[in-house]
Amino acid sequence: MIGSKKTKEEPKLSFADRLGKVKSMFVSAYNEADSLSKEMLADIEKDKETIKTIEIRIANTSELMKNTEAYMNKLKEFI
């Protein structure tokens, strides 16, 4: 026949094969979630280090500020 195409039917997968595909999808999803979790933990650790650095800078600046105020008070006595 002109214009008729035979369609090839794909063989139907067994229940075990279908279950295997489902399990594979869950394993992939788990692996992606695990990777994301590790990436987020690394980002948190990096941010904690940044916070520590900032806290040290704040402490140093606060100490310098106290010293400056003490120096200014001594200078004020001369004015």
PDB file of N, CA and C in Angstrom:
ATOM      1  N   MET A   1       0.817  -1.176   0.000  1.00  0.00           N
ATOM      2  CA  MET A   1       0.000   0.000   0.000  1.00  0.00           C
ATOM      3  C   MET A   1       0.865   1.244   0.000  1.00  0.00           C
ATOM      4  N   ILE A   2       0.401   2.204  -0.725  1.00  0.00           N
ATOM      5  CA  ILE A   2       1.121   3.460  -0.803  1.00  0.00           C
ATOM      6  C   ILE A   2       0.744   4.286   0.405  1.00  0.00           C
ATOM      7  N   GLY A   3       1.761   4.861   1.052  1.00  0.00           N
ATOM      8  CA  GLY A   3       1.506   5.749   2.180  1.00  0.00           C
ATOM      9  C   GLY A   3       1.251   5.047   3.495  1.00  0.00           C
ATOM     10  N   SER A   4       1.279   3.737   3.526  1.00  0.00           N
ATOM     11  CA  SER A   4       1.070   3.076   4.816  1.00  0.00           C
ATOM     12  C   SER A   4       2.424   2.688   5.384  1.00  0.00           C
ATOM     13  N   LYS A   5       2.569   2.958   6.640  1.00  0.00           N
ATOM     14  CA  LYS A   5       3.823   2.626   7.316  1.00  0.00           C
ATOM     15  C   LYS A   5       3.528   1.589   8.378  1.00  0.00           C
ATOM     16  N   LYS A   6       4.396   0.647   8.442  1.00  0.00           N
ATOM     17  CA  LYS A   6       4.267  -0.335   9.512  1.00  0.00           C
ATOM     18  C   LYS A   6       4.934   0.232  10.758  1.00  0.00           C
ATOM     19  N   THR A   7       4.225   0.187  11.843  1.00  0.00           N
ATOM     20  CA  THR A   7       4.805   0.648  13.098  1.00  0.00           C
ATOM     21  C   THR A   7       5.344  -0.557  13.836  1.00  0.00           C
ATOM     22  N   LYS A   8       6.538  -0.387  14.306  1.00  0.00           N
ATOM     23  CA  LYS A   8       7.179  -1.484  15.018  1.00  0.00           C
ATOM     24  C   LYS A   8       6.865  -1.326  16.502  1.00  0.00           C
ATOM     25  N   GLU A   9       6.228  -2.316  17.066  1.00  0.00           N
ATOM     26  CA  GLU A   9       5.912  -2.267  18.490  1.00  0.00           C
ATOM     27  C   GLU A   9       7.143  -2.637  19.285  1.00  0.00           C
ATOM     28  N   GLU A  10       7.394  -1.827  20.339  1.00  0.00           N
ATOM     29  CA  GLU A  10       8.511  -2.143  21.223  1.00  0.00           C
ATOM     30  C   GLU A  10       8.071  -3.263  22.149  1.00  0.00           C
ATOM     31  N   PRO A  11       8.982  -4.153  22.456  1.00  0.00           N
ATOM     32  CA  PRO A  11       8.606  -5.248  23.350  1.00  0.00           C
ATOM     33  C   PRO A  11       8.288  -4.706  24.739  1.00  0.00           C
ATOM     34  N   LYS A  12       7.259  -5.268  25.335  1.00  0.00           N
ATOM     35  CA  LYS A  12       6.842  -4.826  26.660  1.00  0.00           C
ATOM     36  C   LYS A  12       7.846  -5.340  27.688  1.00  0.00           C
ATOM     37  N   LEU A  13       8.290  -4.413  28.561  1.00  0.00           N
ATOM     38  CA  LEU A  13       9.264  -4.795  29.584  1.00  0.00           C
ATOM     39  C   LEU A  13       8.596  -5.606  30.680  1.00  0.00           C
ATOM     40  N   SER A  14       9.375  -6.470  31.283  1.00  0.00           N
ATOM     41  CA  SER A  14       8.846  -7.269  32.389  1.00  0.00           C
ATOM     42  C   SER A  14       8.701  -6.381  33.621  1.00  0.00           C
ATOM     43  N   PHE A  15       7.958  -6.864  34.587  1.00  0.00           N
ATOM     44  CA  PHE A  15       7.795  -6.108  35.831  1.00  0.00           C
ATOM     45  C   PHE A  15       9.149  -5.890  36.500  1.00  0.00           C
ATOM     46  N   ALA A  16       9.991  -6.890  36.470  1.00  0.00           N
ATOM     47  CA  ALA A  16      11.323  -6.781  37.087  1.00  0.00           C
ATOM     48  C   ALA A  16      12.145  -5.694  36.395  1.00  0.00           C
ATOM     49  N   ASP A  17      12.072  -5.646  35.063  1.00  0.00           N
ATOM     50  CA  ASP A  17      12.801  -4.608  34.330  1.00  0.00           C
ATOM     51  C   ASP A  17      12.259  -3.218  34.654  1.00  0.00           C
ATOM     52  N   ARG A  18      10.948  -3.131  34.727  1.00  0.00           N
ATOM     53  CA  ARG A  18      10.318  -1.838  35.041  1.00  0.00           C
ATOM     54  C   ARG A  18      10.681  -1.396  36.461  1.00  0.00           C
ATOM     55  N   LEU A  19      10.661  -2.344  37.399  1.00  0.00           N
ATOM     56  CA  LEU A  19      11.048  -2.036  38.771  1.00  0.00           C
ATOM     57  C   LEU A  19      12.520  -1.615  38.813  1.00  0.00           C
ATOM     58  N   GLY A  20      13.339  -2.261  38.027  1.00  0.00           N
ATOM     59  CA  GLY A  20      14.750  -1.899  37.946  1.00  0.00           C
ATOM     60  C   GLY A  20      14.936  -0.465  37.476  1.00  0.00           C
ATOM     61  N   LYS A  21      14.132  -0.053  36.510  1.00  0.00           N
ATOM     62  CA  LYS A  21      14.196   1.333  36.031  1.00  0.00           C
ATOM     63  C   LYS A  21      13.787   2.309  37.127  1.00  0.00           C
ATOM     64  N   VAL A  22      12.744   1.961  37.866  1.00  0.00           N
ATOM     65  CA  VAL A  22      12.280   2.820  38.960  1.00  0.00           C
ATOM     66  C   VAL A  22      13.375   2.937  40.018  1.00  0.00           C
ATOM     67  N   LYS A  23      13.968   1.802  40.392  1.00  0.00           N
ATOM     68  CA  LYS A  23      15.044   1.820  41.381  1.00  0.00           C
ATOM     69  C   LYS A  23      16.206   2.680  40.890  1.00  0.00           C
ATOM     70  N   SER A  24      16.518   2.570  39.629  1.00  0.00           N
ATOM     71  CA  SER A  24      17.611   3.346  39.038  1.00  0.00           C
ATOM     72  C   SER A  24      17.329   4.846  39.149  1.00  0.00           C
ATOM     73  N   MET A  25      16.071   5.231  38.917  1.00  0.00           N
ATOM     74  CA  MET A  25      15.701   6.647  39.036  1.00  0.00           C
ATOM     75  C   MET A  25      15.890   7.119  40.480  1.00  0.00           C
ATOM     76  N   PHE A  26      15.514   6.285  41.451  1.00  0.00           N
ATOM     77  CA  PHE A  26      15.669   6.669  42.852  1.00  0.00           C
ATOM     78  C   PHE A  26      17.141   6.754  43.242  1.00  0.00           C
ATOM     79  N   VAL A  27      17.948   5.830  42.732  1.00  0.00           N
ATOM     80  CA  VAL A  27      19.385   5.872  43.013  1.00  0.00           C
ATOM     81  C   VAL A  27      19.981   7.155  42.441  1.00  0.00           C
ATOM     82  N   SER A  28      19.595   7.511  41.230  1.00  0.00           N
ATOM     83  CA  SER A  28      20.085   8.754  40.621  1.00  0.00           C
ATOM     84  C   SER A  28      19.642   9.968  41.436  1.00  0.00           C
ATOM     85  N   ALA A  29      18.381   9.977  41.849  1.00  0.00           N
ATOM     86  CA  ALA A  29      17.875  11.093  42.648  1.00  0.00           C
ATOM     87  C   ALA A  29      18.618  11.183  43.979  1.00  0.00           C
ATOM     88  N   TYR A  30      18.860  10.042  44.609  1.00  0.00           N
ATOM     89  CA  TYR A  30      19.598  10.014  45.873  1.00  0.00           C
ATOM     90  C   TYR A  30      21.012  10.546  45.677  1.00  0.00           C
ATOM     91  N   ASN A  31      21.680  10.088  44.635  1.00  0.00           N
ATOM     92  CA  ASN A  31      23.054  10.522  44.379  1.00  0.00           C
ATOM     93  C   ASN A  31      23.117  12.027  44.122  1.00  0.00           C
ATOM     94  N   GLU A  32      22.157  12.559  43.397  1.00  0.00           N
ATOM     95  CA  GLU A  32      22.125  13.996  43.143  1.00  0.00           C
ATOM     96  C   GLU A  32      21.873  14.767  44.439  1.00  0.00           C
ATOM     97  N   ALA A  33      20.961  14.277  45.278  1.00  0.00           N
ATOM     98  CA  ALA A  33      20.665  14.929  46.553  1.00  0.00           C
ATOM     99  C   ALA A  33      21.875  14.863  47.480  1.00  0.00           C
ATOM    100  N   ASP A  34      22.567  13.737  47.483  1.00  0.00           N
ATOM    101  CA  ASP A  34      23.767  13.577  48.309  1.00  0.00           C
ATOM    102  C   ASP A  34      24.856  14.548  47.861  1.00  0.00           C
ATOM    103  N   SER A  35      25.027  14.674  46.575  1.00  0.00           N
ATOM    104  CA  SER A  35      26.017  15.603  46.030  1.00  0.00           C
ATOM    105  C   SER A  35      25.660  17.038  46.407  1.00  0.00           C
ATOM    106  N   LEU A  36      24.395  17.383  46.288  1.00  0.00           N
ATOM    107  CA  LEU A  36      23.928  18.716  46.649  1.00  0.00           C
ATOM    108  C   LEU A  36      24.157  18.978  48.136  1.00  0.00           C
ATOM    109  N   SER A  37      23.864  17.994  48.971  1.00  0.00           N
ATOM    110  CA  SER A  37      24.054  18.121  50.410  1.00  0.00           C
ATOM    111  C   SER A  37      25.519  18.383  50.743  1.00  0.00           C
ATOM    112  N   LYS A  38      26.425  17.654  50.118  1.00  0.00           N
ATOM    113  CA  LYS A  38      27.861  17.842  50.352  1.00  0.00           C
ATOM    114  C   LYS A  38      28.309  19.221  49.891  1.00  0.00           C
ATOM    115  N   GLU A  39      27.775  19.669  48.787  1.00  0.00           N
ATOM    116  CA  GLU A  39      28.105  20.997  48.268  1.00  0.00           C
ATOM    117  C   GLU A  39      27.629  22.082  49.236  1.00  0.00           C
ATOM    118  N   MET A  40      26.424  21.908  49.784  1.00  0.00           N
ATOM    119  CA  MET A  40      25.899  22.884  50.734  1.00  0.00           C
ATOM    120  C   MET A  40      26.717  22.892  52.021  1.00  0.00           C
ATOM    121  N   LEU A  41      27.111  21.715  52.512  1.00  0.00           N
ATOM    122  CA  LEU A  41      27.941  21.642  53.712  1.00  0.00           C
ATOM    123  C   LEU A  41      29.275  22.346  53.498  1.00  0.00           C
ATOM    124  N   ALA A  42      29.880  22.148  52.336  1.00  0.00           N
ATOM    125  CA  ALA A  42      31.143  22.822  52.024  1.00  0.00           C
ATOM    126  C   ALA A  42      30.950  24.332  52.000  1.00  0.00           C
ATOM    127  N   ASP A  43      29.830  24.779  51.452  1.00  0.00           N
ATOM    128  CA  ASP A  43      29.526  26.209  51.399  1.00  0.00           C
ATOM    129  C   ASP A  43      29.336  26.769  52.813  1.00  0.00           C
ATOM    130  N   ILE A  44      28.685  26.012  53.674  1.00  0.00           N
ATOM    131  CA  ILE A  44      28.489  26.432  55.065  1.00  0.00           C
ATOM    132  C   ILE A  44      29.837  26.568  55.767  1.00  0.00           C
ATOM    133  N   GLU A  45      30.715  25.590  55.578  1.00  0.00           N
ATOM    134  CA  GLU A  45      32.030  25.635  56.208  1.00  0.00           C
ATOM    135  C   GLU A  45      32.827  26.846  55.719  1.00  0.00           C
ATOM    136  N   LYS A  46      32.734  27.143  54.436  1.00  0.00           N
ATOM    137  CA  LYS A  46      33.415  28.312  53.876  1.00  0.00           C
ATOM    138  C   LYS A  46      32.864  29.587  54.505  1.00  0.00           C
ATOM    139  N   ASP A  47      31.552  29.660  54.651  1.00  0.00           N
ATOM    140  CA  ASP A  47      30.923  30.833  55.259  1.00  0.00           C
ATOM    141  C   ASP A  47      31.308  30.964  56.730  1.00  0.00           C
ATOM    142  N   LYS A  48      31.432  29.839  57.446  1.00  0.00           N
ATOM    143  CA  LYS A  48      31.857  29.876  58.848  1.00  0.00           C
ATOM    144  C   LYS A  48      33.270  30.444  58.963  1.00  0.00           C
ATOM    145  N   GLU A  49      34.138  30.054  58.043  1.00  0.00           N
ATOM    146  CA  GLU A  49      35.503  30.589  58.043  1.00  0.00           C
ATOM    147  C   GLU A  49      35.488  32.086  57.773  1.00  0.00           C
ATOM    148  N   THR A  50      34.628  32.520  56.864  1.00  0.00           N
ATOM    149  CA  THR A  50      34.493  33.951  56.578  1.00  0.00           C
ATOM    150  C   THR A  50      34.020  34.692  57.820  1.00  0.00           C
ATOM    151  N   ILE A  51      33.055  34.115  58.524  1.00  0.00           N
ATOM    152  CA  ILE A  51      32.533  34.731  59.752  1.00  0.00           C
ATOM    153  C   ILE A  51      33.643  34.847  60.800  1.00  0.00           C
ATOM    154  N   LYS A  52      34.446  33.778  60.961  1.00  0.00           N
ATOM    155  CA  LYS A  52      35.556  33.820  61.926  1.00  0.00           C
ATOM    156  C   LYS A  52      36.521  34.949  61.586  1.00  0.00           C
ATOM    157  N   THR A  53      36.830  35.085  60.309  1.00  0.00           N
ATOM    158  CA  THR A  53      37.746  36.137  59.866  1.00  0.00           C
ATOM    159  C   THR A  53      37.174  37.513  60.188  1.00  0.00           C
ATOM    160  N   ILE A  54      35.894  37.698  59.929  1.00  0.00           N
ATOM    161  CA  ILE A  54      35.243  38.979  60.205  1.00  0.00           C
ATOM    162  C   ILE A  54      35.207  39.247  61.708  1.00  0.00           C
ATOM    163  N   GLU A  55      34.914  38.213  62.511  1.00  0.00           N
ATOM    164  CA  GLU A  55      34.886  38.386  63.965  1.00  0.00           C
ATOM    165  C   GLU A  55      36.248  38.811  64.491  1.00  0.00           C
ATOM    166  N   ILE A  56      37.321  38.249  63.934  1.00  0.00           N
ATOM    167  CA  ILE A  56      38.679  38.635  64.337  1.00  0.00           C
ATOM    168  C   ILE A  56      38.947  40.084  63.967  1.00  0.00           C
ATOM    169  N   ARG A  57      38.534  40.478  62.758  1.00  0.00           N
ATOM    170  CA  ARG A  57      38.712  41.870  62.341  1.00  0.00           C
ATOM    171  C   ARG A  57      37.941  42.825  63.239  1.00  0.00           C
ATOM    172  N   ILE A  58      36.716  42.441  63.618  1.00  0.00           N
ATOM    173  CA  ILE A  58      35.900  43.273  64.504  1.00  0.00           C
ATOM    174  C   ILE A  58      36.585  43.409  65.870  1.00  0.00           C
ATOM    175  N   ALA A  59      37.082  42.293  66.400  1.00  0.00           N
ATOM    176  CA  ALA A  59      37.762  42.319  67.699  1.00  0.00           C
ATOM    177  C   ALA A  59      39.006  43.214  67.631  1.00  0.00           C
ATOM    178  N   ASN A  60      39.772  43.093  66.559  1.00  0.00           N
ATOM    179  CA  ASN A  60      40.971  43.922  66.401  1.00  0.00           C
ATOM    180  C   ASN A  60      40.608  45.394  66.296  1.00  0.00           C
ATOM    181  N   THR A  61      39.579  45.688  65.521  1.00  0.00           N
ATOM    182  CA  THR A  61      39.144  47.082  65.368  1.00  0.00           C
ATOM    183  C   THR A  61      38.603  47.625  66.684  1.00  0.00           C
ATOM    184  N   SER A  62      37.875  46.820  67.434  1.00  0.00           N
ATOM    185  CA  SER A  62      37.348  47.248  68.728  1.00  0.00           C
ATOM    186  C   SER A  62      38.486  47.567  69.694  1.00  0.00           C
ATOM    187  N   GLU A  63      39.494  46.726  69.710  1.00  0.00           N
ATOM    188  CA  GLU A  63      40.652  46.965  70.572  1.00  0.00           C
ATOM    189  C   GLU A  63      41.371  48.250  70.156  1.00  0.00           C
ATOM    190  N   LEU A  64      41.542  48.437  68.869  1.00  0.00           N
ATOM    191  CA  LEU A  64      42.166  49.660  68.364  1.00  0.00           C
ATOM    192  C   LEU A  64      41.331  50.884  68.729  1.00  0.00           C
ATOM    193  N   MET A  65      40.020  50.751  68.665  1.00  0.00           N
ATOM    194  CA  MET A  65      39.125  51.846  69.013  1.00  0.00           C
ATOM    195  C   MET A  65      39.277  52.222  70.490  1.00  0.00           C
ATOM    196  N   LYS A  66      39.375  51.216  71.372  1.00  0.00           N
ATOM    197  CA  LYS A  66      39.581  51.482  72.805  1.00  0.00           C
ATOM    198  C   LYS A  66      40.894  52.228  73.021  1.00  0.00           C
ATOM    199  N   ASN A  67      41.932  51.767  72.343  1.00  0.00           N
ATOM    200  CA  ASN A  67      43.241  52.423  72.475  1.00  0.00           C
ATOM    201  C   ASN A  67      43.180  53.860  71.962  1.00  0.00           C
ATOM    202  N   THR A  68      42.473  54.058  70.872  1.00  0.00           N
ATOM    203  CA  THR A  68      42.339  55.405  70.300  1.00  0.00           C
ATOM    204  C   THR A  68      41.584  56.314  71.255  1.00  0.00           C
ATOM    205  N   GLU A  69      40.511  55.813  71.841  1.00  0.00           N
ATOM    206  CA  GLU A  69      39.734  56.614  72.786  1.00  0.00           C
ATOM    207  C   GLU A  69      40.566  56.972  74.019  1.00  0.00           C
ATOM    208  N   ALA A  70      41.345  56.017  74.507  1.00  0.00           N
ATOM    209  CA  ALA A  70      42.217  56.289  75.660  1.00  0.00           C
ATOM    210  C   ALA A  70      43.240  57.357  75.290  1.00  0.00           C
ATOM    211  N   TYR A  71      43.810  57.257  74.118  1.00  0.00           N
ATOM    212  CA  TYR A  71      44.783  58.248  73.641  1.00  0.00           C
ATOM    213  C   TYR A  71      44.124  59.612  73.503  1.00  0.00           C
ATOM    214  N   MET A  72      42.900  59.638  72.955  1.00  0.00           N
ATOM    215  CA  MET A  72      42.175  60.900  72.792  1.00  0.00           C
ATOM    216  C   MET A  72      41.873  61.530  74.153  1.00  0.00           C
ATOM    217  N   ASN A  73      41.533  60.713  75.138  1.00  0.00           N
ATOM    218  CA  ASN A  73      41.258  61.236  76.480  1.00  0.00           C
ATOM    219  C   ASN A  73      42.513  61.866  77.088  1.00  0.00           C
ATOM    220  N   LYS A  74      43.661  61.250  76.857  1.00  0.00           N
ATOM    221  CA  LYS A  74      44.917  61.817  77.356  1.00  0.00           C
ATOM    222  C   LYS A  74      45.206  63.137  76.641  1.00  0.00           C
ATOM    223  N   LEU A  75      44.948  63.174  75.323  1.00  0.00           N
ATOM    224  CA  LEU A  75      45.179  64.410  74.588  1.00  0.00           C
ATOM    225  C   LEU A  75      44.215  65.510  75.046  1.00  0.00           C
ATOM    226  N   LYS A  76      43.012  65.099  75.392  1.00  0.00           N
ATOM    227  CA  LYS A  76      41.991  66.066  75.823  1.00  0.00           C
ATOM    228  C   LYS A  76      42.434  66.831  77.076  1.00  0.00           C
ATOM    229  N   GLU A  77      43.212  66.144  77.925  1.00  0.00           N
ATOM    230  CA  GLU A  77      43.709  66.777  79.134  1.00  0.00           C
ATOM    231  C   GLU A  77      44.627  67.957  78.833  1.00  0.00           C
ATOM    232  N   PHE A  78      45.311  67.890  77.693  1.00  0.00           N
ATOM    233  CA  PHE A  78      46.236  68.952  77.309  1.00  0.00           C
ATOM    234  C   PHE A  78      45.541  70.120  76.629  1.00  0.00           C
ATOM    235  N   ILE A  79      44.321  69.911  76.215  1.00  0.00           N
ATOM    236  CA  ILE A  79      43.621  70.972  75.466  1.00  0.00           C
ATOM    237  C   ILE A  79      43.012  71.972  76.405  1.00  0.00           C
TER     238      ILE A  79
END
